[in-house]
Amino acid sequence: MLKHFFIAVTLTTLGFPAFAQEESLPDGEVVKAELQEWVNVKQAISKERSDWEAEKEMLSDLNSIREKEITQLNEFIEAAGERITEVDEKRSGFSDEEKSLKDWRRQLESRVTALEKQIRPLLTRLPPPLREKVAEAVLRLETPDASVPLQNRTRDVLLVLQATLEFQNALTLDGDVREIEGERREIDILYLGLTQAWYADKTGSFGGLGRVTETGWEWIEENRLAPRIRKVIEMQQRSLPPEFVELPVLNGNEVAK
């Protein structure tokens, strides 16, 4: 009995390897290929993950730049809007100021034109030294030109008015050379404002009075007055001390004593 059991066990034990050898193991090359494929897949996955991380970082940087640009653009748009509003407000102010300046210019031009019309007929009545002082302005006033700028016209009018006012409020000495009794004699002329004058030669022998007329200055010889006129002229020149001297004036066509 024991002998048979031993044999059975022995057979069973001896038969196990035979049974195990019936299922063949995978070929080594196949295993190696499959393992290599698995490694390749893992490497591909790792590379994809690495590439994705790099791309994600780049996209994050680009997104940050885009957000910064958007912020700057919004700030620019806001600033531009404020600037446009400011410009519009200034433009409105400039428009009002321009209108005011145009109105003021029209008024000035109207007044200058009126003054030119008033002054022009009086230019021939200006005393010669005054006329000579403002000769260029007088010439332009006597020959009006529409192309002359308003500022130049205004300057000429003011120049003539100012010089005339100064002349009117002063005694003015002037000189001239005239034909007297066949000889050319140097004379001194003393103007009293714009309407009255006296003249005398250097010797006090010849003299007379002057007055303004519609066409200019008229001179009337009054040699009997020459010494007194000469004396007043020399006092004005400070060659003589001042004293009271009576001089006549022209009253119409008569010499008022």
C-alpha atoms as a PDB file:
ATOM      1  CA  MET A   1       0.000   0.000   0.000  1.00  0.00           C
ATOM      2  CA  LEU A   2       2.701   2.390   0.841  1.00  0.00           C
ATOM      3  CA  LYS A   3       4.578   1.446  -2.256  1.00  0.00           C
ATOM      4  CA  HIS A   4       1.717   2.358  -4.523  1.00  0.00           C
ATOM      5  CA  PHE A   5       1.254   5.754  -2.744  1.00  0.00           C
ATOM      6  CA  PHE A   6       4.883   6.563  -3.220  1.00  0.00           C
ATOM      7  CA  ILE A   7       4.714   5.708  -6.813  1.00  0.00           C
ATOM      8  CA  ALA A   8       1.652   7.829  -7.243  1.00  0.00           C
ATOM      9  CA  VAL A   9       3.304  10.752  -5.537  1.00  0.00           C
ATOM     10  CA  THR A  10       6.381  10.199  -7.553  1.00  0.00           C
ATOM     11  CA  LEU A  11       4.466  10.084 -10.738  1.00  0.00           C
ATOM     12  CA  THR A  12       2.552  13.113  -9.761  1.00  0.00           C
ATOM     13  CA  THR A  13       5.686  14.938  -8.871  1.00  0.00           C
ATOM     14  CA  LEU A  14       7.405  13.819 -11.999  1.00  0.00           C
ATOM     15  CA  GLY A  15       4.400  14.704 -14.073  1.00  0.00           C
ATOM     16  CA  PHE A  16       4.181  18.360 -12.852  1.00  0.00           C
ATOM     17  CA  PRO A  17       7.033  19.574 -14.920  1.00  0.00           C
ATOM     18  CA  ALA A  18       5.594  17.990 -17.896  1.00  0.00           C
ATOM     19  CA  PHE A  19       2.290  19.735 -17.284  1.00  0.00           C
ATOM     20  CA  ALA A  20       3.965  23.146 -16.766  1.00  0.00           C
ATOM     21  CA  GLN A  21       5.906  22.810 -19.952  1.00  0.00           C
ATOM     22  CA  GLU A  22       2.760  22.436 -21.971  1.00  0.00           C
ATOM     23  CA  GLU A  23       2.131  26.389 -21.723  1.00  0.00           C
ATOM     24  CA  SER A  24       5.106  28.021 -23.554  1.00  0.00           C
ATOM     25  CA  LEU A  25       6.645  31.290 -22.091  1.00  0.00           C
ATOM     26  CA  PRO A  26       6.711  34.535 -24.221  1.00  0.00           C
ATOM     27  CA  ASP A  27       9.677  34.969 -26.503  1.00  0.00           C
ATOM     28  CA  GLY A  28      12.435  37.256 -25.136  1.00  0.00           C
ATOM     29  CA  GLU A  29      12.483  39.496 -28.217  1.00  0.00           C
ATOM     30  CA  VAL A  30       8.760  40.049 -27.946  1.00  0.00           C
ATOM     31  CA  VAL A  31       9.062  41.031 -24.321  1.00  0.00           C
ATOM     32  CA  LYS A  32      11.938  43.317 -25.154  1.00  0.00           C
ATOM     33  CA  ALA A  33       9.955  44.972 -27.980  1.00  0.00           C
ATOM     34  CA  GLU A  34       6.917  45.410 -25.795  1.00  0.00           C
ATOM     35  CA  LEU A  35       9.044  46.869 -23.021  1.00  0.00           C
ATOM     36  CA  GLN A  36      10.707  49.275 -25.444  1.00  0.00           C
ATOM     37  CA  GLU A  37       7.310  50.338 -26.744  1.00  0.00           C
ATOM     38  CA  TRP A  38       6.155  50.981 -23.203  1.00  0.00           C
ATOM     39  CA  VAL A  39       9.276  53.043 -22.519  1.00  0.00           C
ATOM     40  CA  ASN A  40       8.683  55.006 -25.735  1.00  0.00           C
ATOM     41  CA  VAL A  41       5.099  55.706 -24.732  1.00  0.00           C
ATOM     42  CA  LYS A  42       6.220  56.891 -21.304  1.00  0.00           C
ATOM     43  CA  GLN A  43       8.831  59.136 -22.905  1.00  0.00           C
ATOM     44  CA  ALA A  44       6.294  60.531 -25.339  1.00  0.00           C
ATOM     45  CA  ILE A  45       3.873  61.212 -22.513  1.00  0.00           C
ATOM     46  CA  SER A  46       6.645  62.872 -20.510  1.00  0.00           C
ATOM     47  CA  LYS A  47       7.669  65.021 -23.514  1.00  0.00           C
ATOM     48  CA  GLU A  48       4.066  65.991 -24.181  1.00  0.00           C
ATOM     49  CA  ARG A  49       3.681  66.936 -20.541  1.00  0.00           C
ATOM     50  CA  SER A  50       6.927  68.930 -20.631  1.00  0.00           C
ATOM     51  CA  ASP A  51       5.952  70.647 -23.886  1.00  0.00           C
ATOM     52  CA  TRP A  52       2.547  71.444 -22.503  1.00  0.00           C
ATOM     53  CA  GLU A  53       4.048  72.943 -19.337  1.00  0.00           C
ATOM     54  CA  ALA A  54       6.369  75.103 -21.460  1.00  0.00           C
ATOM     55  CA  GLU A  55       3.519  76.123 -23.752  1.00  0.00           C
ATOM     56  CA  LYS A  56       1.267  76.830 -20.762  1.00  0.00           C
ATOM     57  CA  GLU A  57       3.974  79.073 -19.268  1.00  0.00           C
ATOM     58  CA  MET A  58       4.381  80.875 -22.593  1.00  0.00           C
ATOM     59  CA  LEU A  59       0.615  81.326 -22.891  1.00  0.00           C
ATOM     60  CA  SER A  60       0.538  82.648 -19.336  1.00  0.00           C
ATOM     61  CA  ASP A  61       3.255  85.185 -20.218  1.00  0.00           C
ATOM     62  CA  LEU A  62       1.417  86.171 -23.385  1.00  0.00           C
ATOM     63  CA  ASN A  63      -1.802  86.540 -21.430  1.00  0.00           C
ATOM     64  CA  SER A  64      -0.031  88.787 -18.905  1.00  0.00           C
ATOM     65  CA  ILE A  65       1.346  90.899 -21.723  1.00  0.00           C
ATOM     66  CA  ARG A  66      -2.091  91.073 -23.339  1.00  0.00           C
ATOM     67  CA  GLU A  67      -3.705  92.128 -20.067  1.00  0.00           C
ATOM     68  CA  LYS A  68      -1.010  94.781 -19.587  1.00  0.00           C
ATOM     69  CA  GLU A  69      -1.546  96.051 -23.130  1.00  0.00           C
ATOM     70  CA  ILE A  70      -5.305  96.102 -22.585  1.00  0.00           C
ATOM     71  CA  THR A  71      -4.803  98.097 -19.374  1.00  0.00           C
ATOM     72  CA  GLN A  72      -2.502 100.551 -21.147  1.00  0.00           C
ATOM     73  CA  LEU A  73      -4.928 100.811 -24.048  1.00  0.00           C
ATOM     74  CA  ASN A  74      -7.809 101.519 -21.679  1.00  0.00           C
ATOM     75  CA  GLU A  75      -5.717 104.185 -19.933  1.00  0.00           C
ATOM     76  CA  PHE A  76      -4.848 105.700 -23.298  1.00  0.00           C
ATOM     77  CA  ILE A  77      -8.491 105.703 -24.379  1.00  0.00           C
ATOM     78  CA  GLU A  78      -9.508 107.315 -21.094  1.00  0.00           C
ATOM     79  CA  ALA A  79      -6.776 109.956 -21.379  1.00  0.00           C
ATOM     80  CA  ALA A  80      -7.701 110.569 -25.017  1.00  0.00           C
ATOM     81  CA  GLY A  81     -11.321 111.006 -24.016  1.00  0.00           C
ATOM     82  CA  GLU A  82     -10.352 113.539 -21.363  1.00  0.00           C
ATOM     83  CA  ARG A  83      -8.117 115.341 -23.860  1.00  0.00           C
ATOM     84  CA  ILE A  84     -10.907 115.443 -26.427  1.00  0.00           C
ATOM     85  CA  THR A  85     -13.250 116.866 -23.820  1.00  0.00           C
ATOM     86  CA  GLU A  86     -10.638 119.460 -22.868  1.00  0.00           C
ATOM     87  CA  VAL A  87     -10.037 120.375 -26.514  1.00  0.00           C
ATOM     88  CA  ASP A  88     -13.771 120.674 -27.120  1.00  0.00           C
ATOM     89  CA  GLU A  89     -14.092 122.980 -24.125  1.00  0.00           C
ATOM     90  CA  LYS A  90     -11.143 125.080 -25.297  1.00  0.00           C
ATOM     91  CA  ARG A  91     -12.495 125.130 -28.833  1.00  0.00           C
ATOM     92  CA  SER A  92     -15.783 126.403 -27.502  1.00  0.00           C
ATOM     93  CA  GLY A  93     -13.916 129.045 -25.506  1.00  0.00           C
ATOM     94  CA  PHE A  94     -11.816 129.973 -28.524  1.00  0.00           C
ATOM     95  CA  SER A  95     -14.943 130.229 -30.621  1.00  0.00           C
ATOM     96  CA  ASP A  96     -16.483 132.669 -28.142  1.00  0.00           C
ATOM     97  CA  GLU A  97     -13.223 134.597 -27.909  1.00  0.00           C
ATOM     98  CA  GLU A  98     -12.885 134.659 -31.695  1.00  0.00           C
ATOM     99  CA  LYS A  99     -16.402 136.040 -32.027  1.00  0.00           C
ATOM    100  CA  SER A 100     -15.629 138.678 -29.403  1.00  0.00           C
ATOM    101  CA  LEU A 101     -12.391 139.629 -31.161  1.00  0.00           C
ATOM    102  CA  LYS A 102     -14.145 139.870 -34.509  1.00  0.00           C
ATOM    103  CA  ASP A 103     -16.791 142.152 -33.002  1.00  0.00           C
ATOM    104  CA  TRP A 104     -14.080 144.251 -31.386  1.00  0.00           C
ATOM    105  CA  ARG A 105     -12.174 144.425 -34.688  1.00  0.00           C
ATOM    106  CA  ARG A 106     -15.283 145.565 -36.547  1.00  0.00           C
ATOM    107  CA  GLN A 107     -15.829 148.306 -33.994  1.00  0.00           C
ATOM    108  CA  LEU A 108     -12.173 149.354 -34.160  1.00  0.00           C
ATOM    109  CA  GLU A 109     -12.214 149.433 -37.958  1.00  0.00           C
ATOM    110  CA  SER A 110     -15.374 151.525 -37.902  1.00  0.00           C
ATOM    111  CA  ARG A 111     -13.827 154.040 -35.485  1.00  0.00           C
ATOM    112  CA  VAL A 112     -10.513 154.183 -37.375  1.00  0.00           C
ATOM    113  CA  THR A 113     -12.346 154.743 -40.661  1.00  0.00           C
ATOM    114  CA  ALA A 114     -14.365 157.561 -39.100  1.00  0.00           C
ATOM    115  CA  LEU A 115     -11.219 159.182 -37.688  1.00  0.00           C
ATOM    116  CA  GLU A 116      -9.450 158.917 -41.046  1.00  0.00           C
ATOM    117  CA  LYS A 117     -12.344 160.737 -42.697  1.00  0.00           C
ATOM    118  CA  GLN A 118     -12.189 163.478 -40.066  1.00  0.00           C
ATOM    119  CA  ILE A 119      -8.418 163.870 -40.149  1.00  0.00           C
ATOM    120  CA  ARG A 120      -7.879 163.723 -43.911  1.00  0.00           C
ATOM    121  CA  PRO A 121      -9.338 167.190 -44.745  1.00  0.00           C
ATOM    122  CA  LEU A 122      -7.330 168.734 -41.907  1.00  0.00           C
ATOM    123  CA  LEU A 123      -3.921 167.509 -43.015  1.00  0.00           C
ATOM    124  CA  THR A 124      -3.280 170.548 -45.219  1.00  0.00           C
ATOM    125  CA  ARG A 125      -3.751 172.752 -42.156  1.00  0.00           C
ATOM    126  CA  LEU A 126      -1.006 171.150 -40.117  1.00  0.00           C
ATOM    127  CA  PRO A 127       1.925 173.481 -39.328  1.00  0.00           C
ATOM    128  CA  PRO A 128       4.913 172.574 -41.534  1.00  0.00           C
ATOM    129  CA  PRO A 129       7.134 171.281 -38.685  1.00  0.00           C
ATOM    130  CA  LEU A 130       4.308 169.067 -37.418  1.00  0.00           C
ATOM    131  CA  ARG A 131       3.529 167.822 -40.904  1.00  0.00           C
ATOM    132  CA  GLU A 132       7.204 167.015 -41.448  1.00  0.00           C
ATOM    133  CA  LYS A 133       7.351 165.102 -38.147  1.00  0.00           C
ATOM    134  CA  VAL A 134       4.533 162.750 -39.215  1.00  0.00           C
ATOM    135  CA  ALA A 135       5.166 162.937 -42.973  1.00  0.00           C
ATOM    136  CA  GLU A 136       4.938 159.197 -43.688  1.00  0.00           C
ATOM    137  CA  ALA A 137       1.695 158.762 -41.757  1.00  0.00           C
ATOM    138  CA  VAL A 138       0.249 161.854 -43.466  1.00  0.00           C
ATOM    139  CA  LEU A 139       1.176 160.474 -46.883  1.00  0.00           C
ATOM    140  CA  ARG A 140      -0.590 157.186 -46.161  1.00  0.00           C
ATOM    141  CA  LEU A 141      -3.665 158.989 -44.852  1.00  0.00           C
ATOM    142  CA  GLU A 142      -3.798 161.197 -47.945  1.00  0.00           C
ATOM    143  CA  THR A 143      -3.555 158.172 -50.259  1.00  0.00           C
ATOM    144  CA  PRO A 144      -5.785 155.528 -48.641  1.00  0.00           C
ATOM    145  CA  ASP A 145      -5.176 151.906 -49.642  1.00  0.00           C
ATOM    146  CA  ALA A 146      -7.698 149.164 -48.815  1.00  0.00           C
ATOM    147  CA  SER A 147      -4.927 146.568 -48.647  1.00  0.00           C
ATOM    148  CA  VAL A 148      -3.180 148.311 -45.733  1.00  0.00           C
ATOM    149  CA  PRO A 149      -3.621 146.243 -42.529  1.00  0.00           C
ATOM    150  CA  LEU A 150      -5.924 147.685 -39.906  1.00  0.00           C
ATOM    151  CA  GLN A 151      -3.116 147.785 -37.336  1.00  0.00           C
ATOM    152  CA  ASN A 152      -1.054 150.043 -39.643  1.00  0.00           C
ATOM    153  CA  ARG A 153      -4.002 152.348 -40.243  1.00  0.00           C
ATOM    154  CA  THR A 154      -4.642 152.536 -36.503  1.00  0.00           C
ATOM    155  CA  ARG A 155      -0.970 153.317 -35.858  1.00  0.00           C
ATOM    156  CA  ASP A 156      -0.999 156.179 -38.393  1.00  0.00           C
ATOM    157  CA  VAL A 157      -4.146 157.723 -36.939  1.00  0.00           C
ATOM    158  CA  LEU A 158      -2.819 157.531 -33.370  1.00  0.00           C
ATOM    159  CA  LEU A 159       0.555 158.905 -34.426  1.00  0.00           C
ATOM    160  CA  VAL A 160      -0.980 161.968 -36.087  1.00  0.00           C
ATOM    161  CA  LEU A 161      -3.427 162.579 -33.221  1.00  0.00           C
ATOM    162  CA  GLN A 162      -0.727 162.276 -30.554  1.00  0.00           C
ATOM    163  CA  ALA A 163       1.712 164.542 -32.397  1.00  0.00           C
ATOM    164  CA  THR A 164      -1.059 167.082 -33.040  1.00  0.00           C
ATOM    165  CA  LEU A 165      -2.063 167.129 -29.373  1.00  0.00           C
ATOM    166  CA  GLU A 166       1.536 167.698 -28.279  1.00  0.00           C
ATOM    167  CA  PHE A 167       1.997 170.478 -30.838  1.00  0.00           C
ATOM    168  CA  GLN A 168      -1.238 172.176 -29.781  1.00  0.00           C
ATOM    169  CA  ASN A 169      -0.117 172.397 -26.155  1.00  0.00           C
ATOM    170  CA  ALA A 170       3.316 173.871 -26.765  1.00  0.00           C
ATOM    171  CA  LEU A 171       5.307 176.734 -28.230  1.00  0.00           C
ATOM    172  CA  THR A 172       7.330 175.392 -31.125  1.00  0.00           C
ATOM    173  CA  LEU A 173      10.327 177.003 -32.815  1.00  0.00           C
ATOM    174  CA  ASP A 174      11.102 176.291 -36.447  1.00  0.00           C
ATOM    175  CA  GLY A 175      13.295 177.773 -39.156  1.00  0.00           C
ATOM    176  CA  ASP A 176      12.874 178.602 -42.829  1.00  0.00           C
ATOM    177  CA  VAL A 177      14.475 180.542 -45.682  1.00  0.00           C
ATOM    178  CA  ARG A 178      12.233 183.036 -47.511  1.00  0.00           C
ATOM    179  CA  GLU A 179      12.459 185.641 -50.219  1.00  0.00           C
ATOM    180  CA  ILE A 180      12.135 189.031 -48.510  1.00  0.00           C
ATOM    181  CA  GLU A 181      12.588 192.276 -50.511  1.00  0.00           C
ATOM    182  CA  GLY A 182      14.487 190.454 -53.197  1.00  0.00           C
ATOM    183  CA  GLU A 183      16.804 188.625 -50.844  1.00  0.00           C
ATOM    184  CA  ARG A 184      16.708 185.117 -49.411  1.00  0.00           C
ATOM    185  CA  ARG A 185      16.692 185.530 -45.684  1.00  0.00           C
ATOM    186  CA  GLU A 186      16.848 183.014 -42.873  1.00  0.00           C
ATOM    187  CA  ILE A 187      13.977 183.431 -40.467  1.00  0.00           C
ATOM    188  CA  ASP A 188      12.810 181.877 -37.197  1.00  0.00           C
ATOM    189  CA  ILE A 189       9.169 180.974 -36.717  1.00  0.00           C
ATOM    190  CA  LEU A 190       7.403 180.656 -33.370  1.00  0.00           C
ATOM    191  CA  TYR A 191       4.194 178.589 -33.458  1.00  0.00           C
ATOM    192  CA  LEU A 192       1.536 178.944 -30.780  1.00  0.00           C
ATOM    193  CA  GLY A 193      -0.344 175.677 -31.022  1.00  0.00           C
ATOM    194  CA  LEU A 194      -1.939 174.832 -34.343  1.00  0.00           C
ATOM    195  CA  THR A 195      -3.415 178.168 -35.428  1.00  0.00           C
ATOM    196  CA  GLN A 196      -1.071 181.076 -34.726  1.00  0.00           C
ATOM    197  CA  ALA A 197       2.566 181.896 -35.546  1.00  0.00           C
ATOM    198  CA  TRP A 198       5.061 184.748 -35.723  1.00  0.00           C
ATOM    199  CA  TYR A 199       8.291 185.053 -37.648  1.00  0.00           C
ATOM    200  CA  ALA A 200      11.322 187.362 -37.770  1.00  0.00           C
ATOM    201  CA  ASP A 201      14.702 187.358 -39.421  1.00  0.00           C
ATOM    202  CA  LYS A 202      17.967 187.234 -37.494  1.00  0.00           C
ATOM    203  CA  THR A 203      18.304 191.028 -37.396  1.00  0.00           C
ATOM    204  CA  GLY A 204      14.783 191.721 -36.187  1.00  0.00           C
ATOM    205  CA  SER A 205      14.203 193.936 -39.215  1.00  0.00           C
ATOM    206  CA  PHE A 206      11.683 191.818 -41.024  1.00  0.00           C
ATOM    207  CA  GLY A 207       8.830 189.889 -39.510  1.00  0.00           C
ATOM    208  CA  GLY A 208       5.168 189.094 -39.575  1.00  0.00           C
ATOM    209  CA  LEU A 209       2.387 186.767 -38.509  1.00  0.00           C
ATOM    210  CA  GLY A 210       1.013 183.469 -39.741  1.00  0.00           C
ATOM    211  CA  ARG A 211      -2.372 181.851 -39.472  1.00  0.00           C
ATOM    212  CA  VAL A 212      -3.961 178.656 -40.635  1.00  0.00           C
ATOM    213  CA  THR A 213      -6.568 178.642 -43.417  1.00  0.00           C
ATOM    214  CA  GLU A 214      -8.621 175.989 -45.181  1.00  0.00           C
ATOM    215  CA  THR A 215      -5.866 175.498 -47.750  1.00  0.00           C
ATOM    216  CA  GLY A 216      -2.820 175.820 -45.516  1.00  0.00           C
ATOM    217  CA  TRP A 217      -0.826 178.541 -43.786  1.00  0.00           C
ATOM    218  CA  GLU A 218      -1.027 182.192 -44.736  1.00  0.00           C
ATOM    219  CA  TRP A 219       1.738 184.634 -43.865  1.00  0.00           C
ATOM    220  CA  ILE A 220       1.248 188.383 -43.417  1.00  0.00           C
ATOM    221  CA  GLU A 221       4.219 190.730 -43.320  1.00  0.00           C
ATOM    222  CA  GLU A 222       4.300 193.153 -40.367  1.00  0.00           C
ATOM    223  CA  ASN A 223       7.829 194.493 -40.150  1.00  0.00           C
ATOM    224  CA  ARG A 224       6.889 196.910 -37.353  1.00  0.00           C
ATOM    225  CA  LEU A 225       6.420 193.848 -35.119  1.00  0.00           C
ATOM    226  CA  ALA A 226       9.770 192.306 -36.060  1.00  0.00           C
ATOM    227  CA  PRO A 227      11.784 193.617 -33.033  1.00  0.00           C
ATOM    228  CA  ARG A 228       9.223 192.350 -30.512  1.00  0.00           C
ATOM    229  CA  ILE A 229       8.875 189.023 -32.316  1.00  0.00           C
ATOM    230  CA  ARG A 230      12.658 188.655 -32.432  1.00  0.00           C
ATOM    231  CA  LYS A 231      12.849 189.334 -28.710  1.00  0.00           C
ATOM    232  CA  VAL A 232      10.256 186.661 -27.892  1.00  0.00           C
ATOM    233  CA  ILE A 233      12.015 184.166 -30.158  1.00  0.00           C
ATOM    234  CA  GLU A 234      15.346 184.773 -28.402  1.00  0.00           C
ATOM    235  CA  MET A 235      13.674 184.349 -25.018  1.00  0.00           C
ATOM    236  CA  GLN A 236      12.287 181.034 -26.259  1.00  0.00           C
ATOM    237  CA  GLN A 237      15.798 180.116 -27.381  1.00  0.00           C
ATOM    238  CA  ARG A 238      16.996 181.164 -23.894  1.00  0.00           C
ATOM    239  CA  SER A 239      19.337 183.739 -25.386  1.00  0.00           C
ATOM    240  CA  LEU A 240      17.526 186.438 -23.358  1.00  0.00           C
ATOM    241  CA  PRO A 241      16.003 186.307 -19.887  1.00  0.00           C
ATOM    242  CA  PRO A 242      12.229 185.985 -19.847  1.00  0.00           C
ATOM    243  CA  GLU A 243      10.052 189.096 -19.569  1.00  0.00           C
ATOM    244  CA  PHE A 244       6.527 190.118 -20.474  1.00  0.00           C
ATOM    245  CA  VAL A 245       6.165 190.987 -24.189  1.00  0.00           C
ATOM    246  CA  GLU A 246       2.876 191.550 -25.971  1.00  0.00           C
ATOM    247  CA  LEU A 247       2.413 190.067 -29.442  1.00  0.00           C
ATOM    248  CA  PRO A 248      -0.650 190.599 -31.589  1.00  0.00           C
ATOM    249  CA  VAL A 249      -2.682 187.777 -33.091  1.00  0.00           C
ATOM    250  CA  LEU A 250      -4.569 187.601 -36.328  1.00  0.00           C
ATOM    251  CA  ASN A 251      -8.281 188.131 -35.888  1.00  0.00           C
ATOM    252  CA  GLY A 252      -9.875 187.401 -39.218  1.00  0.00           C
ATOM    253  CA  ASN A 253      -7.989 189.530 -41.700  1.00  0.00           C
ATOM    254  CA  GLU A 254      -7.043 192.089 -39.059  1.00  0.00           C
ATOM    255  CA  VAL A 255      -4.076 192.144 -36.735  1.00  0.00           C
ATOM    256  CA  ALA A 256      -5.379 192.398 -33.192  1.00  0.00           C
ATOM    257  CA  LYS A 257      -3.144 194.760 -31.249  1.00  0.00           C
END
